[in-house]
Amino acid sequence: MIELLVAVFVLVIGIMGVLNVFPLGIQVAKSSQIAAVGTQLAQAKTEEMISKSYDDIAGESKQQLASPFGVYFRETEVTCFDPNASFLPNCPDTGIKQVKVIVSWELPFGIGTKKVETSTYIAKK
């Protein structure tokens, strides 16, 4: 009888350990999904900027995206690039622009924010 109780106790402890892993797995999967959507939103904005003419490429301030992407914020930074002087803040026309798209989102329970960035160079044609 004691052996049976010990066996059941060991089995219950083992099952409880396995069951505690499932919520963590679900949380990691959801976090990965949110990051993947953020990356796709950044890439979509990068593609949009590439499709514009060189003179129409301009930065955009941080703004919340519309539903169903309301948890995401996106901003676009455009700087001019001079191979000799690196990045130029006032953006004189050097013929090359760097476009950086930043997508951020709040983590649940107010524990911080996460973000993804994409960056590309666009040359005047």
PDB file of N, CA and C in Angstrom:
ATOM      1  N   MET A   1       0.812  -1.189   0.000  1.00  0.00           N
ATOM      2  CA  MET A   1       0.000   0.000   0.000  1.00  0.00           C
ATOM      3  C   MET A   1       0.864   1.264   0.000  1.00  0.00           C
ATOM      4  N   ILE A   2       1.935   1.281   0.801  1.00  0.00           N
ATOM      5  CA  ILE A   2       2.837   2.429   0.848  1.00  0.00           C
ATOM      6  C   ILE A   2       3.542   2.598  -0.491  1.00  0.00           C
ATOM      7  N   GLU A   3       3.929   1.486  -1.120  1.00  0.00           N
ATOM      8  CA  GLU A   3       4.579   1.557  -2.426  1.00  0.00           C
ATOM      9  C   GLU A   3       3.643   2.173  -3.460  1.00  0.00           C
ATOM     10  N   LEU A   4       2.377   1.844  -3.390  1.00  0.00           N
ATOM     11  CA  LEU A   4       1.390   2.396  -4.309  1.00  0.00           C
ATOM     12  C   LEU A   4       1.244   3.903  -4.088  1.00  0.00           C
ATOM     13  N   LEU A   5       1.199   4.359  -2.857  1.00  0.00           N
ATOM     14  CA  LEU A   5       1.101   5.781  -2.559  1.00  0.00           C
ATOM     15  C   LEU A   5       2.338   6.542  -3.046  1.00  0.00           C
ATOM     16  N   VAL A   6       3.503   5.979  -2.852  1.00  0.00           N
ATOM     17  CA  VAL A   6       4.742   6.615  -3.315  1.00  0.00           C
ATOM     18  C   VAL A   6       4.755   6.695  -4.843  1.00  0.00           C
ATOM     19  N   ALA A   7       4.321   5.614  -5.506  1.00  0.00           N
ATOM     20  CA  ALA A   7       4.281   5.602  -6.966  1.00  0.00           C
ATOM     21  C   ALA A   7       3.308   6.656  -7.494  1.00  0.00           C
ATOM     22  N   VAL A   8       2.126   6.764  -6.888  1.00  0.00           N
ATOM     23  CA  VAL A   8       1.138   7.764  -7.312  1.00  0.00           C
ATOM     24  C   VAL A   8       1.697   9.170  -7.066  1.00  0.00           C
ATOM     25  N   PHE A   9       2.345   9.379  -5.933  1.00  0.00           N
ATOM     26  CA  PHE A   9       2.932  10.688  -5.625  1.00  0.00           C
ATOM     27  C   PHE A   9       3.986  11.067  -6.663  1.00  0.00           C
ATOM     28  N   VAL A  10       4.863  10.159  -6.993  1.00  0.00           N
ATOM     29  CA  VAL A  10       5.906  10.420  -7.996  1.00  0.00           C
ATOM     30  C   VAL A  10       5.266  10.700  -9.352  1.00  0.00           C
ATOM     31  N   LEU A  11       4.245   9.959  -9.714  1.00  0.00           N
ATOM     32  CA  LEU A  11       3.553  10.155 -10.988  1.00  0.00           C
ATOM     33  C   LEU A  11       2.883  11.529 -11.041  1.00  0.00           C
ATOM     34  N   VAL A  12       2.229  11.924  -9.956  1.00  0.00           N
ATOM     35  CA  VAL A  12       1.563  13.239  -9.904  1.00  0.00           C
ATOM     36  C   VAL A  12       2.590  14.360 -10.017  1.00  0.00           C
ATOM     37  N   ILE A  13       3.706  14.256  -9.330  1.00  0.00           N
ATOM     38  CA  ILE A  13       4.765  15.275  -9.408  1.00  0.00           C
ATOM     39  C   ILE A  13       5.282  15.371 -10.842  1.00  0.00           C
ATOM     40  N   GLY A  14       5.481  14.261 -11.496  1.00  0.00           N
ATOM     41  CA  GLY A  14       5.953  14.249 -12.890  1.00  0.00           C
ATOM     42  C   GLY A  14       4.954  14.892 -13.835  1.00  0.00           C
ATOM     43  N   ILE A  15       3.675  14.570 -13.669  1.00  0.00           N
ATOM     44  CA  ILE A  15       2.636  15.148 -14.532  1.00  0.00           C
ATOM     45  C   ILE A  15       2.527  16.653 -14.288  1.00  0.00           C
ATOM     46  N   MET A  16       2.620  17.095 -13.048  1.00  0.00           N
ATOM     47  CA  MET A  16       2.549  18.532 -12.745  1.00  0.00           C
ATOM     48  C   MET A  16       3.708  19.281 -13.408  1.00  0.00           C
ATOM     49  N   GLY A  17       4.879  18.685 -13.395  1.00  0.00           N
ATOM     50  CA  GLY A  17       6.034  19.315 -14.047  1.00  0.00           C
ATOM     51  C   GLY A  17       5.817  19.482 -15.542  1.00  0.00           C
ATOM     52  N   VAL A  18       5.267  18.467 -16.181  1.00  0.00           N
ATOM     53  CA  VAL A  18       4.995  18.529 -17.620  1.00  0.00           C
ATOM     54  C   VAL A  18       3.907  19.561 -17.907  1.00  0.00           C
ATOM     55  N   LEU A  19       2.868  19.620 -17.099  1.00  0.00           N
ATOM     56  CA  LEU A  19       1.783  20.570 -17.324  1.00  0.00           C
ATOM     57  C   LEU A  19       2.227  22.019 -17.140  1.00  0.00           C
ATOM     58  N   ASN A  20       3.225  22.265 -16.304  1.00  0.00           N
ATOM     59  CA  ASN A  20       3.730  23.624 -16.116  1.00  0.00           C
ATOM     60  C   ASN A  20       4.472  24.142 -17.338  1.00  0.00           C
ATOM     61  N   VAL A  21       4.942  23.264 -18.208  1.00  0.00           N
ATOM     62  CA  VAL A  21       5.674  23.667 -19.404  1.00  0.00           C
ATOM     63  C   VAL A  21       4.726  24.193 -20.484  1.00  0.00           C
ATOM     64  N   PHE A  22       3.503  23.734 -20.554  1.00  0.00           N
ATOM     65  CA  PHE A  22       2.579  24.131 -21.620  1.00  0.00           C
ATOM     66  C   PHE A  22       2.285  25.625 -21.649  1.00  0.00           C
ATOM     67  N   PRO A  23       1.960  26.292 -20.544  1.00  0.00           N
ATOM     68  CA  PRO A  23       1.720  27.743 -20.626  1.00  0.00           C
ATOM     69  C   PRO A  23       2.947  28.520 -21.109  1.00  0.00           C
ATOM     70  N   LEU A  24       4.126  28.094 -20.705  1.00  0.00           N
ATOM     71  CA  LEU A  24       5.339  28.755 -21.164  1.00  0.00           C
ATOM     72  C   LEU A  24       5.496  28.587 -22.678  1.00  0.00           C
ATOM     73  N   GLY A  25       5.227  27.404 -23.176  1.00  0.00           N
ATOM     74  CA  GLY A  25       5.300  27.160 -24.621  1.00  0.00           C
ATOM     75  C   GLY A  25       4.320  28.008 -25.402  1.00  0.00           C
ATOM     76  N   ILE A  26       3.117  28.152 -24.870  1.00  0.00           N
ATOM     77  CA  ILE A  26       2.106  28.987 -25.527  1.00  0.00           C
ATOM     78  C   ILE A  26       2.560  30.446 -25.527  1.00  0.00           C
ATOM     79  N   GLN A  27       3.127  30.918 -24.426  1.00  0.00           N
ATOM     80  CA  GLN A  27       3.598  32.294 -24.326  1.00  0.00           C
ATOM     81  C   GLN A  27       4.735  32.554 -25.324  1.00  0.00           C
ATOM     82  N   VAL A  28       5.661  31.636 -25.448  1.00  0.00           N
ATOM     83  CA  VAL A  28       6.772  31.795 -26.388  1.00  0.00           C
ATOM     84  C   VAL A  28       6.260  31.799 -27.825  1.00  0.00           C
ATOM     85  N   ALA A  29       5.300  30.921 -28.133  1.00  0.00           N
ATOM     86  CA  ALA A  29       4.738  30.881 -29.479  1.00  0.00           C
ATOM     87  C   ALA A  29       4.022  32.185 -29.823  1.00  0.00           C
ATOM     88  N   LYS A  30       3.266  32.730 -28.887  1.00  0.00           N
ATOM     89  CA  LYS A  30       2.556  33.995 -29.124  1.00  0.00           C
ATOM     90  C   LYS A  30       3.551  35.135 -29.300  1.00  0.00           C
ATOM     91  N   SER A  31       4.595  35.165 -28.493  1.00  0.00           N
ATOM     92  CA  SER A  31       5.622  36.195 -28.609  1.00  0.00           C
ATOM     93  C   SER A  31       6.309  36.131 -29.977  1.00  0.00           C
ATOM     94  N   SER A  32       6.582  34.939 -30.452  1.00  0.00           N
ATOM     95  CA  SER A  32       7.194  34.769 -31.768  1.00  0.00           C
ATOM     96  C   SER A  32       6.254  35.226 -32.878  1.00  0.00           C
ATOM     97  N   GLN A  33       4.975  34.956 -32.723  1.00  0.00           N
ATOM     98  CA  GLN A  33       3.994  35.376 -33.713  1.00  0.00           C
ATOM     99  C   GLN A  33       3.920  36.905 -33.777  1.00  0.00           C
ATOM    100  N   ILE A  34       3.892  37.557 -32.628  1.00  0.00           N
ATOM    101  CA  ILE A  34       3.836  39.020 -32.590  1.00  0.00           C
ATOM    102  C   ILE A  34       5.091  39.615 -33.221  1.00  0.00           C
ATOM    103  N   ALA A  35       6.247  39.046 -32.948  1.00  0.00           N
ATOM    104  CA  ALA A  35       7.497  39.540 -33.533  1.00  0.00           C
ATOM    105  C   ALA A  35       7.510  39.335 -35.049  1.00  0.00           C
ATOM    106  N   ALA A  36       6.983  38.218 -35.518  1.00  0.00           N
ATOM    107  CA  ALA A  36       6.932  37.960 -36.962  1.00  0.00           C
ATOM    108  C   ALA A  36       6.029  38.963 -37.667  1.00  0.00           C
ATOM    109  N   VAL A  37       4.889  39.284 -37.068  1.00  0.00           N
ATOM    110  CA  VAL A  37       3.988  40.284 -37.656  1.00  0.00           C
ATOM    111  C   VAL A  37       4.669  41.652 -37.665  1.00  0.00           C
ATOM    112  N   GLY A  38       5.367  42.001 -36.583  1.00  0.00           N
ATOM    113  CA  GLY A  38       6.094  43.261 -36.532  1.00  0.00           C
ATOM    114  C   GLY A  38       7.142  43.358 -37.630  1.00  0.00           C
ATOM    115  N   THR A  39       7.853  42.274 -37.865  1.00  0.00           N
ATOM    116  CA  THR A  39       8.855  42.234 -38.926  1.00  0.00           C
ATOM    117  C   THR A  39       8.212  42.401 -40.290  1.00  0.00           C
ATOM    118  N   GLN A  40       7.071  41.757 -40.510  1.00  0.00           N
ATOM    119  CA  GLN A  40       6.373  41.892 -41.794  1.00  0.00           C
ATOM    120  C   GLN A  40       5.863  43.314 -42.000  1.00  0.00           C
ATOM    121  N   LEU A  41       5.388  43.972 -40.939  1.00  0.00           N
ATOM    122  CA  LEU A  41       4.932  45.354 -41.052  1.00  0.00           C
ATOM    123  C   LEU A  41       6.097  46.294 -41.390  1.00  0.00           C
ATOM    124  N   ALA A  42       7.249  46.047 -40.797  1.00  0.00           N
ATOM    125  CA  ALA A  42       8.431  46.850 -41.112  1.00  0.00           C
ATOM    126  C   ALA A  42       8.868  46.631 -42.555  1.00  0.00           C
ATOM    127  N   GLN A  43       8.854  45.394 -42.991  1.00  0.00           N
ATOM    128  CA  GLN A  43       9.259  45.085 -44.367  1.00  0.00           C
ATOM    129  C   GLN A  43       8.285  45.693 -45.368  1.00  0.00           C
ATOM    130  N   ALA A  44       6.991  45.671 -45.050  1.00  0.00           N
ATOM    131  CA  ALA A  44       5.986  46.254 -45.953  1.00  0.00           C
ATOM    132  C   ALA A  44       6.216  47.753 -46.123  1.00  0.00           C
ATOM    133  N   LYS A  45       6.531  48.447 -45.028  1.00  0.00           N
ATOM    134  CA  LYS A  45       6.799  49.890 -45.104  1.00  0.00           C
ATOM    135  C   LYS A  45       8.077  50.153 -45.878  1.00  0.00           C
ATOM    136  N   THR A  46       9.084  49.318 -45.701  1.00  0.00           N
ATOM    137  CA  THR A  46      10.330  49.453 -46.453  1.00  0.00           C
ATOM    138  C   THR A  46      10.055  49.313 -47.948  1.00  0.00           C
ATOM    139  N   GLU A  47       9.259  48.325 -48.325  1.00  0.00           N
ATOM    140  CA  GLU A  47       8.912  48.127 -49.732  1.00  0.00           C
ATOM    141  C   GLU A  47       8.136  49.322 -50.278  1.00  0.00           C
ATOM    142  N   GLU A  48       7.248  49.883 -49.440  1.00  0.00           N
ATOM    143  CA  GLU A  48       6.491  51.071 -49.854  1.00  0.00           C
ATOM    144  C   GLU A  48       7.441  52.239 -50.126  1.00  0.00           C
ATOM    145  N   MET A  49       8.434  52.426 -49.265  1.00  0.00           N
ATOM    146  CA  MET A  49       9.385  53.519 -49.457  1.00  0.00           C
ATOM    147  C   MET A  49      10.246  53.303 -50.700  1.00  0.00           C
ATOM    148  N   ILE A  50      10.617  52.066 -50.967  1.00  0.00           N
ATOM    149  CA  ILE A  50      11.423  51.755 -52.149  1.00  0.00           C
ATOM    150  C   ILE A  50      10.637  52.065 -53.427  1.00  0.00           C
ATOM    151  N   SER A  51       9.330  51.865 -53.386  1.00  0.00           N
ATOM    152  CA  SER A  51       8.514  52.074 -54.595  1.00  0.00           C
ATOM    153  C   SER A  51       8.291  53.555 -54.905  1.00  0.00           C
ATOM    154  N   LYS A  52       8.576  54.460 -53.953  1.00  0.00           N
ATOM    155  CA  LYS A  52       8.410  55.894 -54.181  1.00  0.00           C
ATOM    156  C   LYS A  52       9.574  56.443 -55.000  1.00  0.00           C
ATOM    157  N   SER A  53       9.347  57.601 -55.600  1.00  0.00           N
ATOM    158  CA  SER A  53      10.458  58.252 -56.293  1.00  0.00           C
ATOM    159  C   SER A  53      11.416  58.801 -55.234  1.00  0.00           C
ATOM    160  N   TYR A  54      12.642  59.010 -55.622  1.00  0.00           N
ATOM    161  CA  TYR A  54      13.692  59.424 -54.686  1.00  0.00           C
ATOM    162  C   TYR A  54      13.321  60.709 -53.952  1.00  0.00           C
ATOM    163  N   ASP A  55      12.760  61.670 -54.652  1.00  0.00           N
ATOM    164  CA  ASP A  55      12.423  62.962 -54.041  1.00  0.00           C
ATOM    165  C   ASP A  55      11.245  62.870 -53.077  1.00  0.00           C
ATOM    166  N   ASP A  56      10.393  61.859 -53.209  1.00  0.00           N
ATOM    167  CA  ASP A  56       9.224  61.707 -52.340  1.00  0.00           C
ATOM    168  C   ASP A  56       9.510  60.937 -51.060  1.00  0.00           C
ATOM    169  N   ILE A  57      10.712  60.410 -50.924  1.00  0.00           N
ATOM    170  CA  ILE A  57      11.061  59.620 -49.738  1.00  0.00           C
ATOM    171  C   ILE A  57      11.297  60.564 -48.565  1.00  0.00           C
ATOM    172  N   ALA A  58      10.483  60.429 -47.522  1.00  0.00           N
ATOM    173  CA  ALA A  58      10.606  61.277 -46.336  1.00  0.00           C
ATOM    174  C   ALA A  58      10.250  60.460 -45.101  1.00  0.00           C
ATOM    175  N   GLY A  59      10.769  60.902 -43.976  1.00  0.00           N
ATOM    176  CA  GLY A  59      10.502  60.217 -42.715  1.00  0.00           C
ATOM    177  C   GLY A  59       9.078  60.448 -42.235  1.00  0.00           C
ATOM    178  N   GLU A  60       8.641  59.571 -41.352  1.00  0.00           N
ATOM    179  CA  GLU A  60       7.311  59.674 -40.739  1.00  0.00           C
ATOM    180  C   GLU A  60       7.470  59.505 -39.239  1.00  0.00           C
ATOM    181  N   SER A  61       6.735  60.304 -38.475  1.00  0.00           N
ATOM    182  CA  SER A  61       6.819  60.221 -37.023  1.00  0.00           C
ATOM    183  C   SER A  61       6.150  58.936 -36.529  1.00  0.00           C
ATOM    184  N   LYS A  62       6.407  58.619 -35.279  1.00  0.00           N
ATOM    185  CA  LYS A  62       5.862  57.411 -34.662  1.00  0.00           C
ATOM    186  C   LYS A  62       4.343  57.523 -34.582  1.00  0.00           C
ATOM    187  N   GLN A  63       3.671  56.497 -35.082  1.00  0.00           N
ATOM    188  CA  GLN A  63       2.210  56.491 -35.043  1.00  0.00           C
ATOM    189  C   GLN A  63       1.703  55.069 -34.854  1.00  0.00           C
ATOM    190  N   GLN A  64       0.561  54.986 -34.208  1.00  0.00           N
ATOM    191  CA  GLN A  64      -0.064  53.686 -33.966  1.00  0.00           C
ATOM    192  C   GLN A  64      -0.740  53.234 -35.250  1.00  0.00           C
ATOM    193  N   LEU A  65      -0.624  51.949 -35.556  1.00  0.00           N
ATOM    194  CA  LEU A  65      -1.232  51.412 -36.759  1.00  0.00           C
ATOM    195  C   LEU A  65      -2.713  51.137 -36.532  1.00  0.00           C
ATOM    196  N   ALA A  66      -3.449  51.077 -37.623  1.00  0.00           N
ATOM    197  CA  ALA A  66      -4.892  50.836 -37.553  1.00  0.00           C
ATOM    198  C   ALA A  66      -5.170  49.361 -37.256  1.00  0.00           C
ATOM    199  N   SER A  67      -6.405  49.098 -36.846  1.00  0.00           N
ATOM    200  CA  SER A  67      -6.848  47.736 -36.564  1.00  0.00           C
ATOM    201  C   SER A  67      -6.705  46.895 -37.827  1.00  0.00           C
ATOM    202  N   PRO A  68      -6.305  45.683 -37.764  1.00  0.00           N
ATOM    203  CA  PRO A  68      -6.092  44.785 -36.630  1.00  0.00           C
ATOM    204  C   PRO A  68      -4.674  44.837 -36.063  1.00  0.00           C
ATOM    205  N   PHE A  69      -3.902  45.854 -36.441  1.00  0.00           N
ATOM    206  CA  PHE A  69      -2.527  45.961 -35.966  1.00  0.00           C
ATOM    207  C   PHE A  69      -2.374  47.071 -34.929  1.00  0.00           C
ATOM    208  N   GLY A  70      -3.406  47.296 -34.135  1.00  0.00           N
ATOM    209  CA  GLY A  70      -3.438  48.398 -33.185  1.00  0.00           C
ATOM    210  C   GLY A  70      -2.419  48.329 -32.066  1.00  0.00           C
ATOM    211  N   VAL A  71      -1.811  47.171 -31.842  1.00  0.00           N
ATOM    212  CA  VAL A  71      -0.807  47.072 -30.772  1.00  0.00           C
ATOM    213  C   VAL A  71       0.570  47.533 -31.252  1.00  0.00           C
ATOM    214  N   TYR A  72       0.710  47.785 -32.547  1.00  0.00           N
ATOM    215  CA  TYR A  72       2.004  48.144 -33.124  1.00  0.00           C
ATOM    216  C   TYR A  72       2.111  49.650 -33.363  1.00  0.00           C
ATOM    217  N   PHE A  73       3.323  50.163 -33.202  1.00  0.00           N
ATOM    218  CA  PHE A  73       3.660  51.543 -33.537  1.00  0.00           C
ATOM    219  C   PHE A  73       4.769  51.494 -34.580  1.00  0.00           C
ATOM    220  N   ARG A  74       4.703  52.407 -35.563  1.00  0.00           N
ATOM    221  CA  ARG A  74       5.709  52.389 -36.624  1.00  0.00           C
ATOM    222  C   ARG A  74       6.197  53.804 -36.899  1.00  0.00           C
ATOM    223  N   GLU A  75       7.502  53.929 -37.093  1.00  0.00           N
ATOM    224  CA  GLU A  75       8.075  55.206 -37.506  1.00  0.00           C
ATOM    225  C   GLU A  75       9.128  54.949 -38.575  1.00  0.00           C
ATOM    226  N   THR A  76       9.340  55.966 -39.396  1.00  0.00           N
ATOM    227  CA  THR A  76      10.294  55.859 -40.490  1.00  0.00           C
ATOM    228  C   THR A  76      11.291  57.002 -40.373  1.00  0.00           C
ATOM    229  N   GLU A  77      12.565  56.666 -40.351  1.00  0.00           N
ATOM    230  CA  GLU A  77      13.629  57.668 -40.299  1.00  0.00           C
ATOM    231  C   GLU A  77      14.372  57.656 -41.623  1.00  0.00           C
ATOM    232  N   VAL A  78      14.545  58.828 -42.206  1.00  0.00           N
ATOM    233  CA  VAL A  78      15.275  58.954 -43.458  1.00  0.00           C
ATOM    234  C   VAL A  78      16.458  59.884 -43.224  1.00  0.00           C
ATOM    235  N   THR A  79      17.655  59.383 -43.512  1.00  0.00           N
ATOM    236  CA  THR A  79      18.861  60.195 -43.413  1.00  0.00           C
ATOM    237  C   THR A  79      19.628  60.073 -44.721  1.00  0.00           C
ATOM    238  N   CYS A  80      20.390  61.106 -45.020  1.00  0.00           N
ATOM    239  CA  CYS A  80      21.225  61.047 -46.218  1.00  0.00           C
ATOM    240  C   CYS A  80      22.553  60.395 -45.866  1.00  0.00           C
ATOM    241  N   PHE A  81      23.106  59.732 -46.829  1.00  0.00           N
ATOM    242  CA  PHE A  81      24.350  59.007 -46.598  1.00  0.00           C
ATOM    243  C   PHE A  81      25.422  59.555 -47.526  1.00  0.00           C
ATOM    244  N   ASP A  82      26.543  59.913 -46.949  1.00  0.00           N
ATOM    245  CA  ASP A  82      27.703  60.349 -47.711  1.00  0.00           C
ATOM    246  C   ASP A  82      28.810  59.349 -47.421  1.00  0.00           C
ATOM    247  N   PRO A  83      29.298  58.635 -48.436  1.00  0.00           N
ATOM    248  CA  PRO A  83      30.320  57.614 -48.183  1.00  0.00           C
ATOM    249  C   PRO A  83      31.557  58.153 -47.474  1.00  0.00           C
ATOM    250  N   ASN A  84      31.824  59.456 -47.610  1.00  0.00           N
ATOM    251  CA  ASN A  84      33.018  60.032 -46.976  1.00  0.00           C
ATOM    252  C   ASN A  84      32.761  60.518 -45.561  1.00  0.00           C
ATOM    253  N   ALA A  85      31.510  60.917 -45.260  1.00  0.00           N
ATOM    254  CA  ALA A  85      31.225  61.516 -43.952  1.00  0.00           C
ATOM    255  C   ALA A  85      30.166  60.746 -43.179  1.00  0.00           C
ATOM    256  N   SER A  86      29.833  59.557 -43.608  1.00  0.00           N
ATOM    257  CA  SER A  86      28.811  58.735 -42.965  1.00  0.00           C
ATOM    258  C   SER A  86      27.445  59.399 -43.081  1.00  0.00           C
ATOM    259  N   PHE A  87      26.687  59.469 -41.985  1.00  0.00           N
ATOM    260  CA  PHE A  87      25.320  59.990 -42.043  1.00  0.00           C
ATOM    261  C   PHE A  87      25.296  61.484 -41.790  1.00  0.00           C
ATOM    262  N   LEU A  88      24.514  62.185 -42.579  1.00  0.00           N
ATOM    263  CA  LEU A  88      24.423  63.632 -42.473  1.00  0.00           C
ATOM    264  C   LEU A  88      23.071  64.023 -41.909  1.00  0.00           C
ATOM    265  N   PRO A  89      23.053  64.787 -40.818  1.00  0.00           N
ATOM    266  CA  PRO A  89      21.783  65.090 -40.158  1.00  0.00           C
ATOM    267  C   PRO A  89      20.867  66.018 -40.951  1.00  0.00           C
ATOM    268  N   ASN A  90      21.403  66.981 -41.668  1.00  0.00           N
ATOM    269  CA  ASN A  90      20.558  67.943 -42.373  1.00  0.00           C
ATOM    270  C   ASN A  90      20.125  67.451 -43.744  1.00  0.00           C
ATOM    271  N   CYS A  91      20.637  66.371 -44.167  1.00  0.00           N
ATOM    272  CA  CYS A  91      20.243  65.670 -45.380  1.00  0.00           C
ATOM    273  C   CYS A  91      20.416  66.494 -46.655  1.00  0.00           C
ATOM    274  N   PRO A  92      21.618  66.987 -46.931  1.00  0.00           N
ATOM    275  CA  PRO A  92      21.834  67.555 -48.262  1.00  0.00           C
ATOM    276  C   PRO A  92      21.789  66.422 -49.269  1.00  0.00           C
ATOM    277  N   ASP A  93      21.418  66.722 -50.482  1.00  0.00           N
ATOM    278  CA  ASP A  93      21.221  65.665 -51.472  1.00  0.00           C
ATOM    279  C   ASP A  93      22.555  65.069 -51.896  1.00  0.00           C
ATOM    280  N   THR A  94      22.845  63.890 -51.363  1.00  0.00           N
ATOM    281  CA  THR A  94      24.073  63.181 -51.711  1.00  0.00           C
ATOM    282  C   THR A  94      23.822  62.099 -52.746  1.00  0.00           C
ATOM    283  N   GLY A  95      22.544  61.824 -53.024  1.00  0.00           N
ATOM    284  CA  GLY A  95      22.200  60.786 -53.989  1.00  0.00           C
ATOM    285  C   GLY A  95      21.939  59.432 -53.362  1.00  0.00           C
ATOM    286  N   ILE A  96      22.140  59.322 -52.051  1.00  0.00           N
ATOM    287  CA  ILE A  96      21.876  58.070 -51.341  1.00  0.00           C
ATOM    288  C   ILE A  96      21.135  58.391 -50.052  1.00  0.00           C
ATOM    289  N   LYS A  97      20.015  57.718 -49.827  1.00  0.00           N
ATOM    290  CA  LYS A  97      19.258  57.877 -48.586  1.00  0.00           C
ATOM    291  C   LYS A  97      19.196  56.545 -47.852  1.00  0.00           C
ATOM    292  N   GLN A  98      19.312  56.621 -46.542  1.00  0.00           N
ATOM    293  CA  GLN A  98      19.093  55.439 -45.713  1.00  0.00           C
ATOM    294  C   GLN A  98      17.681  55.543 -45.149  1.00  0.00           C
ATOM    295  N   VAL A  99      16.909  54.484 -45.328  1.00  0.00           N
ATOM    296  CA  VAL A  99      15.548  54.429 -44.789  1.00  0.00           C
ATOM    297  C   VAL A  99      15.535  53.366 -43.701  1.00  0.00           C
ATOM    298  N   LYS A 100      15.206  53.812 -42.482  1.00  0.00           N
ATOM    299  CA  LYS A 100      15.115  52.897 -41.349  1.00  0.00           C
ATOM    300  C   LYS A 100      13.666  52.888 -40.868  1.00  0.00           C
ATOM    301  N   VAL A 101      13.069  51.704 -40.816  1.00  0.00           N
ATOM    302  CA  VAL A 101      11.701  51.541 -40.338  1.00  0.00           C
ATOM    303  C   VAL A 101      11.760  50.821 -38.998  1.00  0.00           C
ATOM    304  N   ILE A 102      11.111  51.413 -37.987  1.00  0.00           N
ATOM    305  CA  ILE A 102      11.110  50.855 -36.639  1.00  0.00           C
ATOM    306  C   ILE A 102       9.671  50.526 -36.258  1.00  0.00           C
ATOM    307  N   VAL A 103       9.419  49.263 -35.946  1.00  0.00           N
ATOM    308  CA  VAL A 103       8.099  48.830 -35.482  1.00  0.00           C
ATOM    309  C   VAL A 103       8.258  48.374 -34.040  1.00  0.00           C
ATOM    310  N   SER A 104       7.432  48.923 -33.150  1.00  0.00           N
ATOM    311  CA  SER A 104       7.509  48.565 -31.736  1.00  0.00           C
ATOM    312  C   SER A 104       6.131  48.161 -31.228  1.00  0.00           C
ATOM    313  N   TRP A 105       6.117  47.437 -30.111  1.00  0.00           N
ATOM    314  CA  TRP A 105       4.869  47.028 -29.486  1.00  0.00           C
ATOM    315  C   TRP A 105       5.104  46.847 -27.997  1.00  0.00           C
ATOM    316  N   GLU A 106       4.034  47.011 -27.243  1.00  0.00           N
ATOM    317  CA  GLU A 106       4.077  46.866 -25.789  1.00  0.00           C
ATOM    318  C   GLU A 106       3.950  45.397 -25.406  1.00  0.00           C
ATOM    319  N   LEU A 107       4.734  44.991 -24.437  1.00  0.00           N
ATOM    320  CA  LEU A 107       4.600  43.644 -23.896  1.00  0.00           C
ATOM    321  C   LEU A 107       3.460  43.637 -22.885  1.00  0.00           C
ATOM    322  N   PRO A 108       2.797  42.492 -22.708  1.00  0.00           N
ATOM    323  CA  PRO A 108       1.694  42.448 -21.744  1.00  0.00           C
ATOM    324  C   PRO A 108       2.168  42.705 -20.312  1.00  0.00           C
ATOM    325  N   PHE A 109       1.247  43.132 -19.495  1.00  0.00           N
ATOM    326  CA  PHE A 109       1.474  43.380 -18.077  1.00  0.00           C
ATOM    327  C   PHE A 109       2.452  44.517 -17.829  1.00  0.00           C
ATOM    328  N   GLY A 110       2.655  45.393 -18.810  1.00  0.00           N
ATOM    329  CA  GLY A 110       3.503  46.565 -18.634  1.00  0.00           C
ATOM    330  C   GLY A 110       4.954  46.260 -18.328  1.00  0.00           C
ATOM    331  N   ILE A 111       5.476  45.166 -18.879  1.00  0.00           N
ATOM    332  CA  ILE A 111       6.858  44.786 -18.570  1.00  0.00           C
ATOM    333  C   ILE A 111       7.858  45.332 -19.582  1.00  0.00           C
ATOM    334  N   GLY A 112       7.416  46.205 -20.488  1.00  0.00           N
ATOM    335  CA  GLY A 112       8.360  46.814 -21.419  1.00  0.00           C
ATOM    336  C   GLY A 112       7.858  46.796 -22.847  1.00  0.00           C
ATOM    337  N   THR A 113       8.762  47.127 -23.746  1.00  0.00           N
ATOM    338  CA  THR A 113       8.444  47.141 -25.173  1.00  0.00           C
ATOM    339  C   THR A 113       9.480  46.332 -25.932  1.00  0.00           C
ATOM    340  N   LYS A 114       9.082  45.905 -27.094  1.00  0.00           N
ATOM    341  CA  LYS A 114       9.978  45.216 -28.021  1.00  0.00           C
ATOM    342  C   LYS A 114       9.924  45.973 -29.331  1.00  0.00           C
ATOM    343  N   LYS A 115      10.945  45.814 -30.156  1.00  0.00           N
ATOM    344  CA  LYS A 115      10.930  46.464 -31.452  1.00  0.00           C
ATOM    345  C   LYS A 115      11.768  45.683 -32.447  1.00  0.00           C
ATOM    346  N   VAL A 116      11.450  45.919 -33.724  1.00  0.00           N
ATOM    347  CA  VAL A 116      12.253  45.405 -34.821  1.00  0.00           C
ATOM    348  C   VAL A 116      12.572  46.582 -35.731  1.00  0.00           C
ATOM    349  N   GLU A 117      13.723  46.519 -36.362  1.00  0.00           N
ATOM    350  CA  GLU A 117      14.149  47.576 -37.274  1.00  0.00           C
ATOM    351  C   GLU A 117      14.591  46.960 -38.592  1.00  0.00           C
ATOM    352  N   THR A 118      14.222  47.632 -39.674  1.00  0.00           N
ATOM    353  CA  THR A 118      14.767  47.281 -40.974  1.00  0.00           C
ATOM    354  C   THR A 118      15.432  48.527 -41.525  1.00  0.00           C
ATOM    355  N   SER A 119      16.435  48.333 -42.340  1.00  0.00           N
ATOM    356  CA  SER A 119      17.164  49.455 -42.892  1.00  0.00           C
ATOM    357  C   SER A 119      17.580  49.124 -44.318  1.00  0.00           C
ATOM    358  N   THR A 120      17.476  50.120 -45.180  1.00  0.00           N
ATOM    359  CA  THR A 120      17.902  49.927 -46.559  1.00  0.00           C
ATOM    360  C   THR A 120      18.426  51.244 -47.103  1.00  0.00           C
ATOM    361  N   TYR A 121      19.182  51.171 -48.172  1.00  0.00           N
ATOM    362  CA  TYR A 121      19.700  52.352 -48.847  1.00  0.00           C
ATOM    363  C   TYR A 121      19.011  52.484 -50.194  1.00  0.00           C
ATOM    364  N   ILE A 122      18.657  53.707 -50.538  1.00  0.00           N
ATOM    365  CA  ILE A 122      18.011  53.976 -51.816  1.00  0.00           C
ATOM    366  C   ILE A 122      18.843  55.034 -52.532  1.00  0.00           C
ATOM    367  N   ALA A 123      19.238  54.725 -53.766  1.00  0.00           N
ATOM    368  CA  ALA A 123      20.056  55.647 -54.539  1.00  0.00           C
ATOM    369  C   ALA A 123      19.197  56.380 -55.558  1.00  0.00           C
ATOM    370  N   LYS A 124      19.610  57.603 -55.831  1.00  0.00           N
ATOM    371  CA  LYS A 124      18.929  58.427 -56.835  1.00  0.00           C
ATOM    372  C   LYS A 124      19.274  57.845 -58.196  1.00  0.00           C
ATOM    373  N   LYS A 125      18.245  57.734 -59.020  1.00  0.00           N
ATOM    374  CA  LYS A 125      18.467  57.129 -60.354  1.00  0.00           C
ATOM    375  C   LYS A 125      18.439  58.175 -61.428  1.00  0.00           C
TER     376      LYS A 125
END
